[in-house]
């Protein structure tokens, strides 16, 4: 290097940044390309199917989930329906709003393997209000 080696140091730093995975993922926007919601916090979709999934060990129980086809890009995702009895307010062909569950690095939470999204609204009515009985779902 030497006394006037600043330019060489800068050039080398720029080159070796690309060896770091986090830098590469951020610069090439790989998360946005892989993510079905395309980087958005929430997305609308149509319910295709309702069913239950068994939890991972050591828990036992059935998690109620819905298969949703997103309106923005026609990709299908599996979204979980929070709270007991909430699945009864959702029918096939309903429009739902989904958002991330909030696990680390956008992943699943706890014993729910593969469930990265949850349903928050059904036909533009919040699921929490339907559960409390404050609102009724309109017939489509």
C-alpha atoms as a PDB file:
ATOM      1  CA  UNK A   1       0.000   0.000   0.000  1.00  0.00           C
ATOM      2  CA  UNK A   2       2.016   2.944   1.170  1.00  0.00           C
ATOM      3  CA  UNK A   3       1.292   6.549   1.848  1.00  0.00           C
ATOM      4  CA  UNK A   4      -0.903   7.175  -1.213  1.00  0.00           C
ATOM      5  CA  UNK A   5      -2.804   3.865  -1.261  1.00  0.00           C
ATOM      6  CA  UNK A   6      -6.261   5.260  -0.524  1.00  0.00           C
ATOM      7  CA  UNK A   7      -7.610   4.684  -4.022  1.00  0.00           C
ATOM      8  CA  UNK A   8      -6.520   1.036  -3.983  1.00  0.00           C
ATOM      9  CA  UNK A   9      -8.103   0.479  -0.525  1.00  0.00           C
ATOM     10  CA  UNK A  10     -11.390   1.990  -1.710  1.00  0.00           C
ATOM     11  CA  UNK A  11     -11.396  -0.177  -4.839  1.00  0.00           C
ATOM     12  CA  UNK A  12     -10.713  -3.351  -2.849  1.00  0.00           C
ATOM     13  CA  UNK A  13     -13.462  -2.566  -0.305  1.00  0.00           C
ATOM     14  CA  UNK A  14     -15.958  -2.057  -3.133  1.00  0.00           C
ATOM     15  CA  UNK A  15     -14.969  -5.394  -4.709  1.00  0.00           C
ATOM     16  CA  UNK A  16     -15.131  -7.501  -1.542  1.00  0.00           C
ATOM     17  CA  UNK A  17     -18.510  -6.080  -0.438  1.00  0.00           C
ATOM     18  CA  UNK A  18     -20.077  -8.396  -3.011  1.00  0.00           C
ATOM     19  CA  UNK A  19     -18.745 -11.445  -1.155  1.00  0.00           C
ATOM     20  CA  UNK A  20     -21.094 -10.617   1.753  1.00  0.00           C
ATOM     21  CA  UNK A  21     -24.501 -12.306   1.346  1.00  0.00           C
ATOM     22  CA  UNK A  22     -26.556  -9.619   3.121  1.00  0.00           C
ATOM     23  CA  UNK A  23     -25.089  -6.878   0.912  1.00  0.00           C
ATOM     24  CA  UNK A  24     -25.744  -8.886  -2.262  1.00  0.00           C
ATOM     25  CA  UNK A  25     -29.359  -9.678  -1.266  1.00  0.00           C
ATOM     26  CA  UNK A  26     -29.996  -6.015  -0.481  1.00  0.00           C
ATOM     27  CA  UNK A  27     -28.394  -4.622  -3.636  1.00  0.00           C
ATOM     28  CA  UNK A  28     -29.997  -7.086  -6.054  1.00  0.00           C
ATOM     29  CA  UNK A  29     -33.377  -6.784  -4.232  1.00  0.00           C
ATOM     30  CA  UNK A  30     -33.680 -10.568  -4.040  1.00  0.00           C
ATOM     31  CA  UNK A  31     -36.166 -10.472  -1.128  1.00  0.00           C
ATOM     32  CA  UNK A  32     -38.573  -8.374  -3.167  1.00  0.00           C
ATOM     33  CA  UNK A  33     -38.291 -10.739  -6.135  1.00  0.00           C
ATOM     34  CA  UNK A  34     -38.825 -13.880  -4.037  1.00  0.00           C
ATOM     35  CA  UNK A  35     -41.605 -12.479  -1.831  1.00  0.00           C
ATOM     36  CA  UNK A  36     -45.151 -13.194  -3.145  1.00  0.00           C
ATOM     37  CA  UNK A  37     -46.320  -9.812  -1.773  1.00  0.00           C
ATOM     38  CA  UNK A  38     -43.458  -8.158  -3.728  1.00  0.00           C
ATOM     39  CA  UNK A  39     -42.209  -6.151  -0.771  1.00  0.00           C
ATOM     40  CA  UNK A  40     -45.636  -4.785   0.194  1.00  0.00           C
ATOM     41  CA  UNK A  41     -46.786  -5.046   3.843  1.00  0.00           C
ATOM     42  CA  UNK A  42     -50.296  -6.257   2.918  1.00  0.00           C
ATOM     43  CA  UNK A  43     -52.081  -7.713  -0.107  1.00  0.00           C
ATOM     44  CA  UNK A  44     -55.610  -8.608  -1.234  1.00  0.00           C
ATOM     45  CA  UNK A  45     -56.566 -12.037  -2.460  1.00  0.00           C
ATOM     46  CA  UNK A  46     -59.400 -14.451  -3.113  1.00  0.00           C
ATOM     47  CA  UNK A  47     -59.935 -17.518  -0.901  1.00  0.00           C
ATOM     48  CA  UNK A  48     -59.582 -20.722  -2.899  1.00  0.00           C
ATOM     49  CA  UNK A  49     -59.778 -23.349  -0.155  1.00  0.00           C
ATOM     50  CA  UNK A  50     -60.216 -23.716   3.635  1.00  0.00           C
ATOM     51  CA  UNK A  51     -58.470 -26.470   5.597  1.00  0.00           C
ATOM     52  CA  UNK A  52     -56.501 -27.356   8.735  1.00  0.00           C
ATOM     53  CA  UNK A  53     -52.789 -28.051   9.252  1.00  0.00           C
ATOM     54  CA  UNK A  54     -51.261 -30.042  12.119  1.00  0.00           C
ATOM     55  CA  UNK A  55     -48.802 -28.181  14.342  1.00  0.00           C
ATOM     56  CA  UNK A  56     -45.128 -29.055  14.680  1.00  0.00           C
ATOM     57  CA  UNK A  57     -43.876 -31.122  17.625  1.00  0.00           C
ATOM     58  CA  UNK A  58     -44.208 -30.893  20.647  1.00  0.00           C
ATOM     59  CA  UNK A  59     -47.567 -29.100  20.175  1.00  0.00           C
ATOM     60  CA  UNK A  60     -50.744 -30.800  19.085  1.00  0.00           C
ATOM     61  CA  UNK A  61     -53.733 -29.185  17.482  1.00  0.00           C
ATOM     62  CA  UNK A  62     -55.006 -28.093  14.137  1.00  0.00           C
ATOM     63  CA  UNK A  63     -54.283 -24.631  12.763  1.00  0.00           C
ATOM     64  CA  UNK A  64     -57.065 -23.307  10.536  1.00  0.00           C
ATOM     65  CA  UNK A  65     -55.685 -21.931   7.268  1.00  0.00           C
ATOM     66  CA  UNK A  66     -56.925 -20.663   3.912  1.00  0.00           C
ATOM     67  CA  UNK A  67     -55.323 -20.900   0.489  1.00  0.00           C
ATOM     68  CA  UNK A  68     -55.359 -17.433  -1.070  1.00  0.00           C
ATOM     69  CA  UNK A  69     -54.705 -16.358  -4.646  1.00  0.00           C
ATOM     70  CA  UNK A  70     -53.285 -12.832  -4.675  1.00  0.00           C
ATOM     71  CA  UNK A  71     -54.949 -10.317  -6.984  1.00  0.00           C
ATOM     72  CA  UNK A  72     -51.748  -8.440  -7.853  1.00  0.00           C
ATOM     73  CA  UNK A  73     -49.787 -11.346  -9.365  1.00  0.00           C
ATOM     74  CA  UNK A  74     -51.990 -14.492  -9.238  1.00  0.00           C
ATOM     75  CA  UNK A  75     -49.544 -16.260  -6.862  1.00  0.00           C
ATOM     76  CA  UNK A  76     -51.010 -18.623  -4.264  1.00  0.00           C
ATOM     77  CA  UNK A  77     -50.105 -18.412  -0.572  1.00  0.00           C
ATOM     78  CA  UNK A  78     -51.290 -20.139   2.594  1.00  0.00           C
ATOM     79  CA  UNK A  79     -52.530 -17.699   5.240  1.00  0.00           C
ATOM     80  CA  UNK A  80     -53.471 -18.648   8.764  1.00  0.00           C
ATOM     81  CA  UNK A  81     -56.715 -17.497  10.387  1.00  0.00           C
ATOM     82  CA  UNK A  82     -56.074 -16.182  13.921  1.00  0.00           C
ATOM     83  CA  UNK A  83     -58.383 -16.785  16.940  1.00  0.00           C
ATOM     84  CA  UNK A  84     -60.791 -19.678  17.440  1.00  0.00           C
ATOM     85  CA  UNK A  85     -64.009 -19.611  15.430  1.00  0.00           C
ATOM     86  CA  UNK A  86     -62.702 -17.065  12.928  1.00  0.00           C
ATOM     87  CA  UNK A  87     -62.617 -19.624  10.116  1.00  0.00           C
ATOM     88  CA  UNK A  88     -66.445 -19.717  10.238  1.00  0.00           C
ATOM     89  CA  UNK A  89     -66.593 -16.115   8.948  1.00  0.00           C
ATOM     90  CA  UNK A  90     -64.554 -16.960   5.849  1.00  0.00           C
ATOM     91  CA  UNK A  91     -66.033 -18.720   2.828  1.00  0.00           C
ATOM     92  CA  UNK A  92     -64.549 -19.692  -0.513  1.00  0.00           C
ATOM     93  CA  UNK A  93     -64.411 -16.821  -3.051  1.00  0.00           C
ATOM     94  CA  UNK A  94     -64.324 -14.185  -0.291  1.00  0.00           C
ATOM     95  CA  UNK A  95     -61.894 -11.303  -0.686  1.00  0.00           C
ATOM     96  CA  UNK A  96     -59.360 -11.234   2.175  1.00  0.00           C
ATOM     97  CA  UNK A  97     -56.531  -8.921   3.174  1.00  0.00           C
ATOM     98  CA  UNK A  98     -53.355 -10.691   4.313  1.00  0.00           C
ATOM     99  CA  UNK A  99     -50.256  -9.414   6.087  1.00  0.00           C
ATOM    100  CA  UNK A 100     -47.037 -10.923   7.428  1.00  0.00           C
ATOM    101  CA  UNK A 101     -47.196 -12.912  10.686  1.00  0.00           C
ATOM    102  CA  UNK A 102     -44.117 -11.107  11.997  1.00  0.00           C
ATOM    103  CA  UNK A 103     -41.602 -13.909  12.534  1.00  0.00           C
ATOM    104  CA  UNK A 104     -37.891 -13.167  12.374  1.00  0.00           C
ATOM    105  CA  UNK A 105     -36.689 -12.399   8.838  1.00  0.00           C
ATOM    106  CA  UNK A 106     -40.287 -12.648   7.550  1.00  0.00           C
ATOM    107  CA  UNK A 107     -40.655 -16.295   8.532  1.00  0.00           C
ATOM    108  CA  UNK A 108     -43.240 -18.331  10.458  1.00  0.00           C
ATOM    109  CA  UNK A 109     -43.906 -18.066  14.217  1.00  0.00           C
ATOM    110  CA  UNK A 110     -43.574 -20.904  16.721  1.00  0.00           C
ATOM    111  CA  UNK A 111     -45.105 -24.250  15.810  1.00  0.00           C
ATOM    112  CA  UNK A 112     -46.729 -23.014  12.597  1.00  0.00           C
ATOM    113  CA  UNK A 113     -44.394 -24.323   9.922  1.00  0.00           C
ATOM    114  CA  UNK A 114     -44.677 -22.641   6.544  1.00  0.00           C
ATOM    115  CA  UNK A 115     -47.270 -20.064   7.618  1.00  0.00           C
ATOM    116  CA  UNK A 116     -45.840 -16.631   6.993  1.00  0.00           C
ATOM    117  CA  UNK A 117     -49.104 -14.687   6.492  1.00  0.00           C
ATOM    118  CA  UNK A 118     -52.326 -14.116   8.420  1.00  0.00           C
ATOM    119  CA  UNK A 119     -55.794 -12.923   7.441  1.00  0.00           C
ATOM    120  CA  UNK A 120     -56.808  -9.549   8.890  1.00  0.00           C
ATOM    121  CA  UNK A 121     -59.903  -8.550   6.866  1.00  0.00           C
ATOM    122  CA  UNK A 122     -62.726 -10.409   5.142  1.00  0.00           C
ATOM    123  CA  UNK A 123     -64.728  -8.535   2.479  1.00  0.00           C
ATOM    124  CA  UNK A 124     -63.295  -5.207   3.800  1.00  0.00           C
ATOM    125  CA  UNK A 125     -64.479  -5.915   7.386  1.00  0.00           C
ATOM    126  CA  UNK A 126     -61.820  -6.494  10.082  1.00  0.00           C
ATOM    127  CA  UNK A 127     -61.771 -10.061  11.392  1.00  0.00           C
ATOM    128  CA  UNK A 128     -61.540  -8.777  14.980  1.00  0.00           C
ATOM    129  CA  UNK A 129     -64.880  -6.910  14.630  1.00  0.00           C
ATOM    130  CA  UNK A 130     -66.571  -9.989  13.155  1.00  0.00           C
ATOM    131  CA  UNK A 131     -65.381 -12.067  16.126  1.00  0.00           C
ATOM    132  CA  UNK A 132     -66.642  -9.518  18.687  1.00  0.00           C
ATOM    133  CA  UNK A 133     -69.998  -9.289  16.911  1.00  0.00           C
ATOM    134  CA  UNK A 134     -69.674  -5.550  16.219  1.00  0.00           C
ATOM    135  CA  UNK A 135     -69.989  -6.026  12.448  1.00  0.00           C
ATOM    136  CA  UNK A 136     -71.720  -8.477  10.153  1.00  0.00           C
ATOM    137  CA  UNK A 137     -70.337  -9.816   6.920  1.00  0.00           C
ATOM    138  CA  UNK A 138     -72.338  -8.698   3.911  1.00  0.00           C
ATOM    139  CA  UNK A 139     -73.702 -11.425   1.635  1.00  0.00           C
ATOM    140  CA  UNK A 140     -72.013 -11.466  -1.753  1.00  0.00           C
END
